[in-house]
Protein backbone atom coordinates (compact mmCIF):
# COMPACT_ATOMS: atom_id res chain seq x y z
CA MET A 1 5.46 8.05 18.20
CA GLU A 2 2.46 8.94 16.05
CA LYS A 3 0.52 5.97 14.69
CA ARG A 4 0.77 5.83 10.92
CA THR A 5 -1.80 4.54 8.47
CA ILE A 6 -1.39 1.48 6.29
CA ALA A 7 -1.06 3.77 3.26
CA GLN A 8 1.73 5.75 4.96
CA VAL A 9 3.77 2.64 5.74
CA ALA A 10 3.13 1.24 2.23
CA ILE A 11 4.56 4.48 0.81
CA GLU A 12 7.61 4.08 3.07
CA VAL A 13 8.14 0.48 1.90
CA LEU A 14 7.85 1.41 -1.79
CA LYS A 15 10.22 4.38 -1.38
CA GLU A 16 12.76 2.14 0.28
CA SER A 17 12.33 -0.59 -2.32
CA LYS A 18 12.77 1.77 -5.29
CA GLN A 19 10.84 -0.73 -7.44
CA PRO A 20 7.21 -1.82 -7.92
CA MET A 21 5.92 -4.47 -5.52
CA THR A 22 2.84 -6.67 -5.15
CA ALA A 23 0.44 -6.26 -2.25
CA ALA A 24 1.84 -9.48 -0.77
CA GLU A 25 5.43 -8.17 -0.97
CA ILE A 26 4.47 -4.83 0.56
CA THR A 27 2.57 -6.59 3.36
CA GLN A 28 5.51 -8.90 4.11
CA ALA A 29 7.91 -5.95 4.25
CA ILE A 30 5.58 -4.10 6.64
CA LEU A 31 5.38 -7.17 8.89
CA ASP A 32 9.14 -7.91 8.71
CA LYS A 33 10.02 -4.34 9.70
CA GLY A 34 7.28 -4.05 12.33
CA LEU A 35 5.91 -0.89 10.71
CA TYR A 36 2.25 -1.61 11.46
CA THR A 37 0.27 -3.92 13.71
CA PHE A 38 -2.65 -5.52 11.91
CA ASN A 39 -5.78 -6.63 13.77
CA THR A 40 -7.00 -8.90 11.00
CA LYS A 41 -6.50 -12.43 9.73
CA ASP A 42 -5.83 -11.10 6.21
CA PRO A 43 -3.39 -8.17 6.36
CA ARG A 44 -2.70 -8.42 2.61
CA ALA A 45 -6.33 -7.56 1.84
CA MET A 46 -6.09 -4.55 4.15
CA VAL A 47 -2.90 -3.36 2.44
CA ARG A 48 -4.35 -3.89 -1.04
CA GLY A 49 -7.53 -2.01 -0.09
CA ALA A 50 -5.63 0.91 1.42
CA ILE A 51 -3.46 1.19 -1.69
CA GLU A 52 -6.27 0.81 -4.22
CA ARG A 53 -8.34 3.54 -2.52
CA ARG A 54 -5.43 5.83 -3.36
CA CYS A 55 -4.62 4.46 -6.83
CA LYS A 56 -4.61 6.60 -9.95
CA GLY A 57 -7.11 5.33 -12.50
CA LEU A 58 -8.93 2.90 -10.19
CA SER A 59 -12.49 3.93 -9.58
CA ARG A 60 -13.88 2.61 -6.31
CA LYS A 61 -16.81 3.87 -4.32
CA ASN A 62 -14.47 4.55 -1.40
CA SER A 63 -11.60 6.11 -3.40
CA VAL A 64 -9.94 9.17 -1.95
CA SER A 65 -8.80 12.23 -3.87
CA ASN A 66 -5.25 12.08 -2.48
CA GLN A 67 -3.74 9.54 -4.89
CA SER A 68 -0.26 8.22 -4.18
CA PHE A 69 -0.09 4.91 -6.06
CA GLU A 70 -0.43 3.43 -9.52
CA LYS A 71 -1.31 -0.19 -10.33
CA LEU A 72 0.79 -1.56 -13.16
CA ALA A 73 -0.31 -4.10 -15.79
CA ASP A 74 1.54 -6.90 -13.94
CA GLY A 75 -0.48 -6.22 -10.77
CA LYS A 76 2.36 -4.54 -8.92
CA TYR A 77 2.07 -1.10 -7.32
CA CYS A 78 4.39 1.87 -7.63
CA LEU A 79 4.40 5.40 -6.28
CA LEU A 80 3.21 8.32 -8.39
CA ASP A 81 5.94 10.83 -9.09
């Protein structure tokens, strides 16, 4: 099985959820389902970073052009249509 990125599994979690989620909720779902193995003490920060690099409207020095997420006013993330 091909190893997926954090962003890819976050997309899977949000598609399955069908509703916006916080970084903590997305991280917990990834861990509960065994979708990704983190090699860090703070997986939530890794998930948040991976999402925000691909967030519409967030300007970060390490942003990527392939944007898949949007950060809502309540701090939750959703998928772009």
